[in-house]
C-alpha atoms as a PDB file:
ATOM      1  CA  MET A   1       0.022   0.011  -0.117  1.00  0.00           C
ATOM      2  CA  LYS A   2       1.350   3.448  -0.973  1.00  0.00           C
ATOM      3  CA  ILE A   3       0.053   6.702   0.710  1.00  0.00           C
ATOM      4  CA  ARG A   4       0.464   9.900  -1.023  1.00  0.00           C
ATOM      5  CA  LYS A   5      -0.960  13.380  -1.171  1.00  0.00           C
ATOM      6  CA  TYR A   6      -4.321  13.872  -2.952  1.00  0.00           C
ATOM      7  CA  LYS A   7      -4.175  15.548  -6.349  1.00  0.00           C
ATOM      8  CA  PRO A   8      -6.976  16.901  -8.598  1.00  0.00           C
ATOM      9  CA  SER A   9      -6.884  13.777 -10.927  1.00  0.00           C
ATOM     10  CA  ASP A  10      -7.916  11.702  -7.881  1.00  0.00           C
ATOM     11  CA  CYS A  11     -11.287  13.699  -7.677  1.00  0.00           C
ATOM     12  CA  GLU A  12     -13.705  11.507  -9.531  1.00  0.00           C
ATOM     13  CA  GLU A  13     -12.256   8.111  -8.067  1.00  0.00           C
ATOM     14  CA  THR A  14     -12.487   9.462  -4.525  1.00  0.00           C
ATOM     15  CA  ARG A  15     -15.935  10.785  -5.187  1.00  0.00           C
ATOM     16  CA  LYS A  16     -16.998   7.232  -6.403  1.00  0.00           C
ATOM     17  CA  LEU A  17     -15.377   5.509  -3.416  1.00  0.00           C
ATOM     18  CA  PHE A  18     -17.198   7.888  -1.064  1.00  0.00           C
ATOM     19  CA  TYR A  19     -20.510   7.166  -2.728  1.00  0.00           C
ATOM     20  CA  GLU A  20     -19.992   3.391  -2.995  1.00  0.00           C
ATOM     21  CA  THR A  21     -18.690   2.970   0.628  1.00  0.00           C
ATOM     22  CA  ILE A  22     -21.704   4.877   1.988  1.00  0.00           C
ATOM     23  CA  HIS A  23     -24.122   2.734   0.065  1.00  0.00           C
ATOM     24  CA  THR A  24     -22.499  -0.527   0.892  1.00  0.00           C
ATOM     25  CA  ILE A  25     -20.568  -0.485   4.215  1.00  0.00           C
ATOM     26  CA  ASN A  26     -22.934   1.905   5.843  1.00  0.00           C
ATOM     27  CA  ALA A  27     -26.195   0.021   4.720  1.00  0.00           C
ATOM     28  CA  GLY A  28     -26.565  -1.797   8.035  1.00  0.00           C
ATOM     29  CA  ASP A  29     -26.669   1.463  10.020  1.00  0.00           C
ATOM     30  CA  TYR A  30     -28.461   3.866   7.850  1.00  0.00           C
ATOM     31  CA  THR A  31     -31.556   3.795   5.653  1.00  0.00           C
ATOM     32  CA  LYS A  32     -31.356   4.205   1.803  1.00  0.00           C
ATOM     33  CA  GLU A  33     -32.869   7.653   2.276  1.00  0.00           C
ATOM     34  CA  GLN A  34     -30.130   8.592   4.708  1.00  0.00           C
ATOM     35  CA  ARG A  35     -27.319   7.146   2.644  1.00  0.00           C
ATOM     36  CA  ASP A  36     -28.810   8.930  -0.416  1.00  0.00           C
ATOM     37  CA  ALA A  37     -28.753  12.340   1.537  1.00  0.00           C
ATOM     38  CA  TRP A  38     -25.289  11.803   2.909  1.00  0.00           C
ATOM     39  CA  SER A  39     -23.594  10.710  -0.391  1.00  0.00           C
ATOM     40  CA  ALA A  40     -25.297  13.684  -2.238  1.00  0.00           C
ATOM     41  CA  GLY A  41     -22.561  15.808  -0.320  1.00  0.00           C
ATOM     42  CA  GLY A  42     -20.021  14.927  -2.911  1.00  0.00           C
ATOM     43  CA  SER A  43     -22.028  15.337  -6.063  1.00  0.00           C
ATOM     44  CA  ASP A  44     -20.462  18.704  -7.099  1.00  0.00           C
ATOM     45  CA  LEU A  45     -17.000  17.659  -8.302  1.00  0.00           C
ATOM     46  CA  LYS A  46     -15.542  21.157  -8.299  1.00  0.00           C
ATOM     47  CA  LYS A  47     -16.593  21.679  -4.718  1.00  0.00           C
ATOM     48  CA  TRP A  48     -15.435  18.159  -3.751  1.00  0.00           C
ATOM     49  CA  ASN A  49     -12.011  18.845  -5.264  1.00  0.00           C
ATOM     50  CA  ARG A  50     -11.693  22.326  -3.857  1.00  0.00           C
ATOM     51  CA  SER A  51     -12.637  20.984  -0.259  1.00  0.00           C
ATOM     52  CA  LEU A  52      -9.950  18.134  -0.489  1.00  0.00           C
ATOM     53  CA  LEU A  53      -7.299  20.658  -1.835  1.00  0.00           C
ATOM     54  CA  GLU A  54      -8.091  23.144   1.017  1.00  0.00           C
ATOM     55  CA  HIS A  55      -7.359  20.501   3.703  1.00  0.00           C
ATOM     56  CA  TYR A  56      -4.368  18.243   3.937  1.00  0.00           C
ATOM     57  CA  ALA A  57      -5.575  15.141   1.946  1.00  0.00           C
ATOM     58  CA  LEU A  58      -4.110  11.754   1.429  1.00  0.00           C
ATOM     59  CA  VAL A  59      -5.046   8.884  -0.633  1.00  0.00           C
ATOM     60  CA  ALA A  60      -4.023   5.214  -0.255  1.00  0.00           C
ATOM     61  CA  GLU A  61      -3.504   3.067  -3.374  1.00  0.00           C
ATOM     62  CA  GLU A  62      -2.646  -0.298  -4.375  1.00  0.00           C
ATOM     63  CA  ASP A  63      -1.741  -1.424  -7.920  1.00  0.00           C
ATOM     64  CA  GLY A  64      -2.746   2.095  -9.125  1.00  0.00           C
ATOM     65  CA  LYS A  65      -6.220   1.882  -7.618  1.00  0.00           C
ATOM     66  CA  ILE A  66      -7.329   4.187  -4.760  1.00  0.00           C
ATOM     67  CA  THR A  67      -8.148   1.979  -1.762  1.00  0.00           C
ATOM     68  CA  GLY A  68      -8.982   4.964   0.666  1.00  0.00           C
ATOM     69  CA  PHE A  69      -8.628   8.526   1.283  1.00  0.00           C
ATOM     70  CA  GLY A  70      -8.983  11.220   4.103  1.00  0.00           C
ATOM     71  CA  ASP A  71      -8.436  14.693   5.014  1.00  0.00           C
ATOM     72  CA  ILE A  72      -7.796  16.888   8.016  1.00  0.00           C
ATOM     73  CA  ASP A  73      -7.869  20.638   8.396  1.00  0.00           C
ATOM     74  CA  GLU A  74      -5.198  22.795  10.201  1.00  0.00           C
ATOM     75  CA  ASN A  75      -7.116  22.817  13.425  1.00  0.00           C
ATOM     76  CA  GLY A  76      -7.081  19.073  13.674  1.00  0.00           C
ATOM     77  CA  TYR A  77     -10.627  18.280  12.353  1.00  0.00           C
ATOM     78  CA  LEU A  78     -10.485  15.098  10.580  1.00  0.00           C
ATOM     79  CA  ASP A  79     -13.194  15.576   7.912  1.00  0.00           C
ATOM     80  CA  ARG A  80     -13.432  12.510   5.826  1.00  0.00           C
ATOM     81  CA  LEU A  81     -11.899   9.044   6.149  1.00  0.00           C
ATOM     82  CA  PHE A  82     -13.278   6.423   3.661  1.00  0.00           C
ATOM     83  CA  VAL A  83     -12.009   3.089   2.793  1.00  0.00           C
ATOM     84  CA  HIS A  84     -13.024   1.113  -0.449  1.00  0.00           C
ATOM     85  CA  LYS A  85     -15.723  -1.556   0.190  1.00  0.00           C
ATOM     86  CA  ASP A  86     -13.174  -4.193  -1.002  1.00  0.00           C
ATOM     87  CA  TYR A  87     -10.370  -3.046   1.355  1.00  0.00           C
ATOM     88  CA  GLN A  88     -12.079  -2.832   4.679  1.00  0.00           C
ATOM     89  CA  ASN A  89     -10.072  -4.280   7.669  1.00  0.00           C
ATOM     90  CA  LYS A  90      -6.849  -4.351   5.790  1.00  0.00           C
ATOM     91  CA  GLY A  91      -5.176  -1.452   7.712  1.00  0.00           C
ATOM     92  CA  VAL A  92      -5.922   1.156   5.089  1.00  0.00           C
ATOM     93  CA  GLY A  93      -8.111   3.311   7.518  1.00  0.00           C
ATOM     94  CA  ARG A  94      -5.551   2.931  10.393  1.00  0.00           C
ATOM     95  CA  ALA A  95      -2.627   4.003   8.160  1.00  0.00           C
ATOM     96  CA  LEU A  96      -4.457   7.013   6.577  1.00  0.00           C
ATOM     97  CA  CYS A  97      -5.778   8.198   9.975  1.00  0.00           C
ATOM     98  CA  GLN A  98      -2.301   7.927  11.675  1.00  0.00           C
ATOM     99  CA  ARG A  99      -0.674   9.883   8.699  1.00  0.00           C
ATOM    100  CA  LEU A 100      -3.327  12.545   8.926  1.00  0.00           C
ATOM    101  CA  GLU A 101      -3.128  12.904  12.718  1.00  0.00           C
ATOM    102  CA  GLU A 102       0.750  13.366  12.345  1.00  0.00           C
ATOM    103  CA  THR A 103       0.288  16.599  10.316  1.00  0.00           C
ATOM    104  CA  VAL A 104      -1.534  18.594  12.795  1.00  0.00           C
ATOM    105  CA  LYS A 105       0.176  20.705  15.529  1.00  0.00           C
ATOM    106  CA  GLU A 106      -2.866  20.644  17.778  1.00  0.00           C
ATOM    107  CA  GLN A 107      -3.024  18.346  20.835  1.00  0.00           C
ATOM    108  CA  LEU A 108      -6.637  17.350  19.944  1.00  0.00           C
ATOM    109  CA  VAL A 109      -7.927  15.822  16.960  1.00  0.00           C
ATOM    110  CA  THR A 110     -11.616  15.766  16.384  1.00  0.00           C
ATOM    111  CA  THR A 111     -14.160  14.118  14.030  1.00  0.00           C
ATOM    112  CA  GLU A 112     -17.651  13.447  13.367  1.00  0.00           C
ATOM    113  CA  ALA A 113     -17.982   9.619  12.950  1.00  0.00           C
ATOM    114  CA  SER A 114     -20.895   7.649  11.566  1.00  0.00           C
ATOM    115  CA  ILE A 115     -22.534   4.812  13.469  1.00  0.00           C
ATOM    116  CA  THR A 116     -20.476   2.533  11.400  1.00  0.00           C
ATOM    117  CA  ALA A 117     -17.178   4.195  11.888  1.00  0.00           C
ATOM    118  CA  LYS A 118     -17.581   4.871  15.635  1.00  0.00           C
ATOM    119  CA  PRO A 119     -15.753   1.414  16.608  1.00  0.00           C
ATOM    120  CA  PHE A 120     -12.993   2.104  14.342  1.00  0.00           C
ATOM    121  CA  PHE A 121     -12.454   5.411  15.836  1.00  0.00           C
ATOM    122  CA  GLU A 122     -12.652   4.091  19.313  1.00  0.00           C
ATOM    123  CA  LYS A 123      -9.913   1.608  18.481  1.00  0.00           C
ATOM    124  CA  MET A 124      -7.859   4.611  17.165  1.00  0.00           C
ATOM    125  CA  GLY A 125      -8.019   6.312  20.721  1.00  0.00           C
ATOM    126  CA  TYR A 126     -10.996   8.623  20.035  1.00  0.00           C
ATOM    127  CA  ARG A 127     -13.600   9.064  22.697  1.00  0.00           C
ATOM    128  CA  VAL A 128     -17.252  10.036  22.179  1.00  0.00           C
ATOM    129  CA  ILE A 129     -17.912  13.469  23.337  1.00  0.00           C
ATOM    130  CA  LYS A 130     -21.738  13.515  22.322  1.00  0.00           C
ATOM    131  CA  GLU A 131     -24.185  11.724  19.911  1.00  0.00           C
ATOM    132  CA  GLN A 132     -25.873  14.172  17.505  1.00  0.00           C
ATOM    133  CA  GLN A 133     -28.311  14.295  14.772  1.00  0.00           C
ATOM    134  CA  VAL A 134     -27.138  16.178  11.662  1.00  0.00           C
ATOM    135  CA  GLN A 135     -29.172  17.144   8.677  1.00  0.00           C
ATOM    136  CA  ARG A 136     -28.150  16.449   5.187  1.00  0.00           C
ATOM    137  CA  GLN A 137     -30.673  17.239   2.293  1.00  0.00           C
ATOM    138  CA  GLY A 138     -33.523  17.683   4.767  1.00  0.00           C
ATOM    139  CA  VAL A 139     -32.702  14.147   6.256  1.00  0.00           C
ATOM    140  CA  PHE A 140     -31.411  13.560   9.866  1.00  0.00           C
ATOM    141  CA  LEU A 141     -28.639  11.109  10.433  1.00  0.00           C
ATOM    142  CA  THR A 142     -27.034  10.175  13.805  1.00  0.00           C
ATOM    143  CA  ASN A 143     -23.258  10.625  14.183  1.00  0.00           C
ATOM    144  CA  TYR A 144     -20.813  11.019  17.076  1.00  0.00           C
ATOM    145  CA  CYS A 145     -18.493  13.931  17.836  1.00  0.00           C
ATOM    146  CA  MET A 146     -15.305  12.303  18.790  1.00  0.00           C
ATOM    147  CA  ARG A 147     -12.090  13.531  20.196  1.00  0.00           C
ATOM    148  CA  LYS A 148      -8.542  12.227  20.636  1.00  0.00           C
ATOM    149  CA  GLU A 149      -5.733  13.550  22.481  1.00  0.00           C
ATOM    150  CA  LYS A 150      -2.424  13.243  20.733  1.00  0.00           C
ATOM    151  CA  ASP A 151       0.675  11.851  22.460  1.00  0.00           C
ATOM    152  CA  GLY A 152       3.498  14.213  23.238  1.00  0.00           C
END
């Protein structure tokens, strides 16, 4: 597995991975209506690309195929972390998360984790601050504000 910085030519592939992961991996925790509303957040490719370029964004790839991606802002907010449906539980998410966390100067890293991702983030040392309802496209979804104190 190779981890590298995101580039604009990754835009469509990361967007597709985002959509497919939500509609397969998250299917057990969210309704189709919720998954449709959530995945619509990446429908504008220009906006998607710009948001990844504004943050520190990484992609993981294997044999030229993107297997995961994530991004974090300068304040330590881990915005997205998605792993391809065929590469779950193979260390992709862990490797991306660790690399993203290393880039921020802040002692706290925060994220808003889905129901599905909550156990992963707990294993990575994050703690739930609160459960919340967020609205996407007029539809409410449950997620968790989570925080991790960095070492050192």
